[in-house]
Every structure is written in C-alpha cells, then in structure tokens.
Protein backbone atom coordinates (compact mmCIF):
# COMPACT_ATOMS: atom_id res chain seq x y z
CA MET A 1 51.18 46.98 -7.34
CA GLY A 2 53.92 46.89 -9.95
CA SER A 3 54.53 43.30 -10.99
CA THR A 4 55.03 42.48 -14.67
CA THR A 5 54.39 38.78 -14.18
CA GLU A 6 51.57 37.35 -16.25
CA PRO A 7 48.82 35.61 -14.25
CA ASP A 8 48.69 31.83 -14.43
CA PRO A 9 46.85 30.69 -17.60
CA SER A 10 44.95 27.98 -15.67
CA VAL A 11 42.56 30.72 -14.55
CA ASP A 12 40.84 30.24 -17.89
CA GLY A 13 39.03 27.26 -16.33
CA HIS A 14 35.46 26.98 -15.04
CA LEU A 15 33.93 25.40 -11.96
CA ARG A 16 30.70 23.47 -11.56
CA ALA A 17 28.08 24.82 -9.18
CA SER A 18 28.94 22.13 -6.60
CA GLU A 19 32.61 23.16 -6.72
CA VAL A 20 31.67 26.82 -6.37
CA ARG A 21 29.62 25.95 -3.28
CA ASP A 22 32.64 24.15 -1.80
CA VAL A 23 35.16 26.94 -2.32
CA THR A 24 32.89 29.92 -1.57
CA GLY A 25 30.67 28.57 1.20
CA LEU A 26 27.66 30.01 -0.65
CA THR A 27 24.50 27.99 -1.14
CA ASP A 28 22.63 27.39 -4.39
CA ARG A 29 19.94 29.77 -3.21
CA GLN A 30 22.51 32.52 -2.64
CA LEU A 31 24.18 31.88 -6.01
CA HIS A 32 20.75 32.10 -7.61
CA GLU A 33 20.16 35.47 -5.92
CA TRP A 34 23.54 36.77 -7.06
CA ASP A 35 22.87 35.60 -10.59
CA LYS A 36 19.58 37.56 -10.61
CA ARG A 37 21.47 40.64 -9.43
CA GLY A 38 23.92 40.38 -12.34
CA ALA A 39 26.93 39.51 -10.16
CA LEU A 40 27.67 36.35 -12.20
CA PRO A 41 28.08 37.81 -15.70
CA HIS A 42 30.11 34.93 -17.12
CA GLU A 43 27.99 32.00 -16.06
CA ARG A 44 27.49 29.32 -18.67
CA ARG A 45 25.77 25.96 -18.86
CA ALA A 46 27.34 22.76 -20.17
CA GLY A 47 25.35 19.54 -20.26
CA GLY A 48 22.57 21.20 -18.30
CA HIS A 49 24.84 22.15 -15.38
CA ARG A 50 25.73 25.64 -14.27
CA ARG A 51 29.41 26.52 -14.64
CA ILE A 52 31.10 29.68 -13.40
CA SER A 53 34.44 31.11 -14.51
CA ALA A 54 37.34 30.74 -12.10
CA TRP A 55 37.62 34.53 -12.01
CA ASP A 56 34.03 34.87 -10.80
CA ALA A 57 34.60 32.04 -8.30
CA MET A 58 37.59 33.93 -6.88
CA ALA A 59 35.55 37.11 -6.50
CA LEU A 60 32.67 35.22 -4.89
CA SER A 61 35.04 33.43 -2.51
CA ILE A 62 36.60 36.72 -1.44
CA ALA A 63 33.15 38.25 -0.94
CA SER A 64 32.05 35.21 1.05
CA THR A 65 35.09 35.63 3.32
CA ILE A 66 34.20 39.29 3.90
CA ARG A 67 30.66 38.18 4.70
CA GLY A 68 31.82 35.61 7.24
CA ARG A 69 34.47 37.77 8.83
CA TYR A 70 32.46 40.97 9.15
CA SER A 71 28.88 39.64 8.94
CA ILE A 72 28.09 41.78 5.88
CA PRO A 73 24.83 40.96 4.04
CA LEU A 74 25.28 39.55 0.54
CA THR A 75 23.16 42.37 -0.83
CA LYS A 76 25.91 44.86 0.10
CA LEU A 77 28.75 42.90 -1.51
CA GLY A 78 27.59 42.95 -5.12
CA GLY A 79 29.54 46.11 -5.91
CA THR A 80 32.74 44.61 -4.52
CA VAL A 81 32.35 41.51 -6.69
CA LYS A 82 31.66 43.58 -9.80
CA TRP A 83 34.70 45.75 -9.11
CA MET A 84 37.02 42.74 -8.79
CA VAL A 85 36.01 41.18 -12.11
CA GLY A 86 35.85 44.47 -13.99
CA LYS A 87 32.10 44.92 -14.35
CA GLN A 88 32.05 48.05 -12.20
CA ARG A 89 34.29 50.52 -13.97
CA PRO A 90 37.45 51.85 -12.35
CA GLU A 91 39.21 54.91 -13.71
CA VAL A 92 41.67 53.68 -16.33
CA MET A 93 42.32 56.62 -18.63
CA ALA A 94 44.91 58.08 -16.24
CA ILE A 95 46.78 54.77 -16.11
CA ALA A 96 46.76 54.51 -19.89
CA ALA A 97 48.11 58.05 -20.13
CA VAL A 98 50.90 57.31 -17.65
CA ALA A 99 51.81 54.15 -19.54
CA SER A 100 51.96 55.99 -22.86
CA ASP A 101 54.05 58.82 -21.31
CA HIS A 102 56.67 56.33 -20.11
CA ILE A 103 56.95 54.54 -23.44
CA VAL A 104 58.76 56.02 -26.41
CA PRO A 105 57.76 53.97 -29.45
CA GLN A 106 60.73 53.01 -31.58
CA THR A 107 58.70 51.76 -34.53
CA GLN A 108 55.38 52.47 -36.17
CA GLN A 109 54.09 49.12 -34.87
CA ALA A 110 54.93 50.20 -31.32
CA ALA A 111 53.24 53.56 -31.83
CA ASP A 112 50.13 51.79 -33.12
CA LEU A 113 50.08 49.53 -30.06
CA VAL A 114 50.34 52.50 -27.67
CA GLY A 115 47.46 54.14 -29.50
CA ASP A 116 45.39 50.99 -29.18
CA LEU A 117 46.05 50.84 -25.43
CA VAL A 118 44.65 54.33 -25.00
CA GLY A 119 41.74 53.40 -27.27
CA ILE A 120 40.93 50.32 -25.19
CA ALA A 121 40.96 52.43 -22.04
CA THR A 122 38.34 54.61 -23.72
CA ASP A 123 36.25 51.62 -24.81
CA GLN A 124 36.60 50.03 -21.36
CA PRO A 125 35.80 46.37 -22.09
CA ARG A 126 34.21 44.54 -19.20
CA GLY A 127 35.05 41.38 -17.31
CA LEU A 128 36.55 38.55 -19.34
CA GLU A 129 36.50 40.72 -22.47
CA VAL A 130 39.60 42.31 -20.94
CA LEU A 131 41.48 39.03 -21.12
CA GLU A 132 40.41 38.44 -24.71
CA ARG A 133 41.96 41.77 -25.67
CA ARG A 134 45.02 41.03 -23.52
CA ASP A 135 45.99 37.94 -25.53
CA GLU A 136 45.94 39.92 -28.76
CA LEU A 137 47.90 42.84 -27.30
CA LEU A 138 50.51 40.62 -25.62
CA ALA A 139 51.09 38.83 -28.91
CA ARG A 140 51.75 42.15 -30.61
CA ALA A 141 53.99 43.33 -27.76
CA GLY A 142 55.92 40.07 -27.86
CA ALA A 143 56.55 40.48 -31.57
CA LEU A 144 58.10 43.89 -30.81
CA ASP A 145 60.43 42.30 -28.21
CA ASP A 146 59.85 45.29 -25.91
CA PRO A 147 59.35 44.49 -22.19
CA LYS A 148 57.93 47.98 -21.59
CA MET A 149 55.13 47.30 -24.04
CA GLU A 150 54.26 44.04 -22.28
CA TRP A 151 54.31 45.90 -18.94
CA ALA A 152 51.90 48.50 -20.34
CA VAL A 153 49.48 45.77 -21.47
CA HIS A 154 49.48 44.14 -18.03
CA GLN A 155 49.02 47.50 -16.30
CA LEU A 156 46.01 48.33 -18.45
CA CYS A 157 44.43 44.89 -17.86
CA ALA A 158 44.99 45.25 -14.12
CA ALA A 159 43.26 48.63 -14.18
CA LEU A 160 40.32 47.24 -16.15
CA MET A 161 40.08 44.06 -14.05
CA PRO A 162 41.61 44.50 -10.55
CA LEU A 163 41.55 40.78 -9.77
CA TYR A 164 43.86 40.26 -12.75
CA GLY A 165 46.37 42.62 -11.15
CA ALA A 166 46.05 40.83 -7.81
CA LEU A 167 46.84 37.51 -9.46
CA GLY A 168 49.84 39.08 -11.19
CA GLU A 169 51.25 40.11 -7.80
CA LEU A 170 50.68 36.62 -6.41
CA SER A 171 52.37 35.14 -9.48
CA ALA A 172 55.42 37.22 -8.56
CA GLY A 173 55.41 35.74 -5.05
CA PHE A 174 53.77 38.63 -3.21
CA PRO A 175 50.95 38.21 -0.66
CA VAL A 176 47.77 40.05 -1.61
CA PHE A 177 45.36 41.88 0.69
CA LEU A 178 42.02 43.50 -0.01
CA VAL A 179 41.17 46.75 1.78
CA THR A 180 37.57 47.85 1.23
CA ASN A 181 34.81 49.93 2.78
CA LEU A 182 32.31 48.46 0.25
CA GLU A 183 32.35 51.70 -1.75
CA SER A 184 36.06 51.95 -2.56
CA HIS A 185 38.46 49.03 -2.84
CA LEU A 186 42.21 48.42 -3.03
CA PHE A 187 44.32 45.32 -3.61
CA VAL A 188 47.63 45.79 -1.76
CA SER A 189 50.65 43.52 -2.17
CA GLU A 190 53.17 45.37 0.02
CA PRO A 191 52.55 44.36 3.66
CA GLY A 192 54.09 47.64 4.84
CA LEU A 193 51.39 49.59 3.00
CA VAL A 194 48.35 47.70 4.31
CA ASP A 195 47.84 49.72 7.49
CA HIS A 196 48.56 52.92 5.56
CA ALA A 197 45.83 51.99 3.07
CA ARG A 198 43.37 51.46 5.90
CA GLU A 199 44.25 54.68 7.70
CA ALA A 200 44.83 57.06 4.78
CA ALA A 201 43.35 55.74 1.52
CA LEU A 202 40.15 54.25 2.99
CA PRO A 203 39.76 55.76 6.46
CA GLU A 204 36.00 55.21 6.77
CA ASN A 205 35.27 51.77 8.24
CA PRO A 206 37.88 49.84 6.22
CA MET A 207 37.80 46.06 6.22
CA LEU A 208 40.86 43.91 5.58
CA ILE A 209 41.27 40.34 4.44
CA ARG A 210 44.18 38.41 2.97
CA VAL A 211 43.13 37.04 -0.41
CA ASP A 212 46.08 35.02 -1.75
CA PRO A 213 45.01 31.82 0.11
CA ILE A 214 41.51 32.28 -1.32
CA ILE A 215 42.84 32.71 -4.86
CA ASN A 216 45.02 29.62 -4.50
CA ARG A 217 42.07 27.58 -3.26
CA VAL A 218 40.10 28.42 -6.41
CA LEU A 219 43.14 27.82 -8.65
CA THR A 220 43.60 24.28 -7.35
CA LYS A 221 39.86 23.58 -7.50
CA SER A 222 39.76 24.65 -11.17
CA GLY A 223 42.64 22.34 -12.10
CA GLY A 224 45.51 24.79 -11.76
CA ALA A 225 48.49 24.96 -9.40
CA ALA A 226 48.73 27.08 -6.28
CA LEU A 227 51.09 30.06 -6.46
CA PRO A 228 53.49 30.16 -3.49
CA VAL A 229 54.06 33.37 -1.54
CA GLN A 230 57.80 33.99 -1.41
CA HIS A 231 57.86 37.26 0.51
CA ARG A 232 57.56 37.47 4.27
CA VAL A 233 54.33 38.77 5.80
CA SER A 234 54.58 40.44 9.20
CA GLY A 235 53.50 43.50 11.12
CA ILE A 236 49.91 43.57 9.83
CA SER A 237 47.33 43.98 12.55
CA ASP A 238 43.90 42.32 12.56
CA VAL A 239 44.25 40.37 9.32
CA ASP A 240 43.41 36.85 10.49
CA GLY A 241 40.29 37.49 12.52
CA GLU A 242 37.83 34.69 13.26
CA SER A 243 34.94 34.21 10.86
CA LEU A 244 31.43 33.17 11.73
CA ASP A 245 30.57 29.52 11.37
CA ALA A 246 28.78 28.90 8.06
CA ARG A 247 25.63 27.80 9.90
CA GLU A 248 25.65 30.91 12.07
CA GLN A 249 26.02 33.11 8.99
CA THR A 250 23.16 31.30 7.24
CA VAL A 251 20.87 32.00 10.20
CA ILE A 252 21.87 35.68 10.21
CA ASP A 253 21.25 35.95 6.45
CA LEU A 254 17.79 34.42 6.76
CA LEU A 255 16.85 36.77 9.57
CA ARG A 256 18.07 39.79 7.62
CA GLU A 257 16.28 38.87 4.40
CA ARG A 258 12.91 38.67 6.22
CA LYS A 259 11.49 36.49 3.45
CA PHE A 260 10.46 33.60 5.68
CA SER A 261 6.91 32.95 6.84
CA LYS A 262 7.89 30.73 9.79
CA MET A 263 11.06 29.86 11.66
CA THR A 264 11.33 27.02 14.18
CA ILE A 265 14.13 27.14 16.74
CA PHE A 266 14.73 24.27 19.14
CA PRO A 267 15.53 25.11 22.79
CA ARG A 268 18.34 24.35 25.28
CA GLY A 269 20.31 27.45 24.44
CA GLN A 270 21.60 26.21 21.07
CA ILE A 271 20.10 26.10 17.62
CA TYR A 272 19.77 22.49 16.53
CA ARG A 273 17.57 22.93 13.50
CA ILE A 274 15.86 25.83 11.77
CA GLU A 275 13.09 25.24 9.28
CA VAL A 276 12.32 28.25 7.13
CA THR A 277 9.45 28.48 4.69
CA SER A 278 9.54 31.34 2.21
CA ASP A 279 7.92 32.18 -1.09
CA LEU A 280 9.59 32.71 -4.46
CA PRO A 281 6.77 34.14 -6.60
CA ASP A 282 9.03 35.14 -9.52
CA VAL A 283 10.61 31.76 -10.21
CA LYS A 284 10.75 30.63 -13.85
CA ALA A 285 9.75 27.19 -15.04
CA GLU A 286 13.26 26.33 -16.27
CA GLU A 287 14.66 27.07 -12.80
CA ILE A 288 12.52 24.51 -10.96
CA ALA A 289 14.75 21.53 -11.80
CA ASN A 290 17.80 23.34 -10.43
CA LEU A 291 15.95 24.26 -7.25
CA ILE A 292 14.77 20.70 -6.70
CA GLN A 293 18.30 19.33 -7.20
CA SER A 294 19.78 21.92 -4.85
CA HIS A 295 20.97 20.86 -1.43
CA ASP A 296 19.47 24.03 0.02
CA TYR A 297 15.89 22.80 -0.10
CA GLY A 298 14.26 20.22 2.10
CA SER A 299 11.03 20.40 0.08
CA VAL A 300 9.65 22.35 -2.86
CA LEU A 301 5.94 23.01 -3.51
CA VAL A 302 4.84 24.43 -6.85
CA LYS A 303 1.42 26.03 -7.29
CA ASN A 304 0.25 26.85 -10.78
CA ARG A 305 -2.92 27.94 -12.56
CA ASN A 306 -3.69 27.58 -16.26
CA GLY A 307 -0.16 26.37 -16.89
CA GLN A 308 1.43 29.39 -15.19
CA ILE A 309 3.47 29.13 -11.99
CA GLN A 310 1.73 31.17 -9.33
CA ARG A 311 4.10 30.47 -6.45
CA LEU A 312 6.98 28.23 -5.47
CA THR A 313 7.36 27.58 -1.75
CA GLN A 314 10.68 26.23 -0.52
CA THR A 315 11.46 24.81 2.91
CA ILE A 316 15.07 24.89 4.08
CA SER A 317 16.34 22.72 6.92
CA ILE A 318 19.59 23.81 8.56
CA GLN A 319 21.28 21.13 10.64
CA THR A 320 23.55 22.37 13.42
CA PRO A 321 25.79 20.35 15.76
CA ALA A 322 24.27 17.92 18.21
CA SER A 323 24.76 18.20 21.96
CA ASP A 324 27.85 16.88 23.71
CA ASP A 325 26.39 13.39 24.04
CA GLY A 326 25.70 13.26 20.29
CA THR A 327 21.93 13.55 20.56
CA ILE A 328 19.54 16.08 19.11
CA PRO A 329 16.61 17.15 21.29
CA HIS A 330 13.18 16.02 20.14
CA ARG A 331 10.93 18.14 22.31
CA PRO A 332 8.83 20.79 20.58
CA GLY A 333 10.52 23.96 19.49
CA THR A 334 9.65 27.61 19.69
CA GLU A 335 7.99 29.05 16.61
CA ARG A 336 8.56 32.61 15.52
CA SER A 337 6.86 34.27 12.60
C-alpha cells in the first residue's frame, strides 16, 4: 500500500461500551474476556463507564467479522487484533531503512528527522503511542516543506500500526481487504493483488474479508465521516460470503468454551432459548456492577465468605426467533450438561 494520505483525524475519538457492542456484535462478557487477555490496551473509563478507542473498536469489529464469517473462536483472534493496532510487533527496521535510502536530506534538520525515524523504528512504540509520535514528526516534516519526509513518516506509522496504513489507503479512495491465516496478516488495497496475496503470500488456509465498510461503520459511530471508496472493485472471488447469525455464533462460542454447567435447549428442531449457567471464580469486586448492568446476564449470584468473593455465577438467556406463527413453545426442553 503506497498512499501518502493522512488518516482522518476523527479516529482520535472513543466509543462507549454500548456503542462497541453495536458496531462489533460482541457482548459485554466477550469484551470482558478480551480485556483480561490484554486485547484492549487503550481502554479508559469516564464517569464510571468503559470507553474504547475508535482504533480498538475497528480492530474488534474486523475480528468479529472474521469470527462470524469463518466461525473462528475469539481465543484465536487475539493475535490478529494486536497486530492491527500495533501491539504485536511487525518488522519495521527494513521499512525505515528503505525510507532513509530514498531520502536525501537537504538540511541538517532533515537529516535529524531521518535519524529519528530510524531511532523510532528501533524503539518500536506500541499502539496509540505511534500516533503520538506521528503528530510530532509530521509537524517537523511540514516545517521542512518536503513531501518525501511526510511520506516517510506515514510509511513508518503504517509499519508500526497496520490499521493506520489501512485507513490511509481508504482515505485515498481505495478499498481495503484483510488477508490472514491468523498467524500472518496483510492489508491489501489493490483488488488485483488480493487473490495473489491469498495464493502466494499466505497460501496456508488464508481468510479474506473486506474491511473498508467496517472501518466506515466505526468512523460514523465515533462521530466522524465515512470515507468513500472511489476505485472500482471487481474480480475478487469469495469476498462477500455469508456470516453466521449473531445468535448462532453465540451458541457456538458457548459450546466451545465449555464453561457452562447446564444448557437447556427447547425442541421442535429450532433453538428458541438457551439458558447457560457458568462460574466466574476470578471476578473482582469492582467488576460486579458492570456485570449486573450488562445485557448479557439474566441473573447474577454472588457468594462470598469473610468479605471475599468466593464465586460469581451468571445465567445467560439467549432469545432466538419465534416460530412462524409468532409463538414460542412452552413445553419442557432438553437439558444437556
């Protein structure tokens, strides 16, 4: 990807937990699990409410789409999320070297800036720290009035934080695709190179999704403006496959996690309601209020001894569509433990 366009500044916004649920399709329980795994490094609280950076919301939304499209467990998508937001380190020294080789500093200030770019590649700041350094470097490059210096700054930031580079391509009007096999990942903005990336760069079980609609959805939700795609997209096979219904994916996730003590499934060939009871023995006292307020829990039972929480048991009720006549069966269900 070679765009020099700067990503839209509205990405500096944050989303509330309810907004993140809407755009990602993830539940509070799943966000809580991802937070414990360190996949939400830039979470903050304002007025007692969880807020997540728009960058993290984009990465989570993309991961949620992969999950729905390919039925991949959340536990296997953490590395992909960390890669997108720059927490899992890509190789950037080579890119910094290429950038410095193509730039001939005309002044001492320009030479100092090139040296700092290489130094930053060595330091490898993580996540949103990349953007904090970007603002400083772009200001210095702008003072030099040298487009090549600005290009070098953007290239370095894109290497440190791949999602930044993807947004830069979208800002230039290009569609953006993610090709991943969960171990290696590529953002591709040239439609003609997508199938090549799947067949040559990532030949082992590559997955493909188009991410520019997902990015735009988060941009508008965080108060920004959608970025239109101005280049034609055609000739890409298997990019708009059908995703699982959110309820179907929730059932699959619960079965895979194997943390439930009982599951109730109503008959007649369709799932009308599933009640799952599982234990969260490591919950902290300050997390109880968030769990109680969450829409994921039908009931919460806290057991404590001598002021210490011994166990928190949560019951989740999943409502699925009624039958054709609009009714939900009331006869006893089948219990499975």
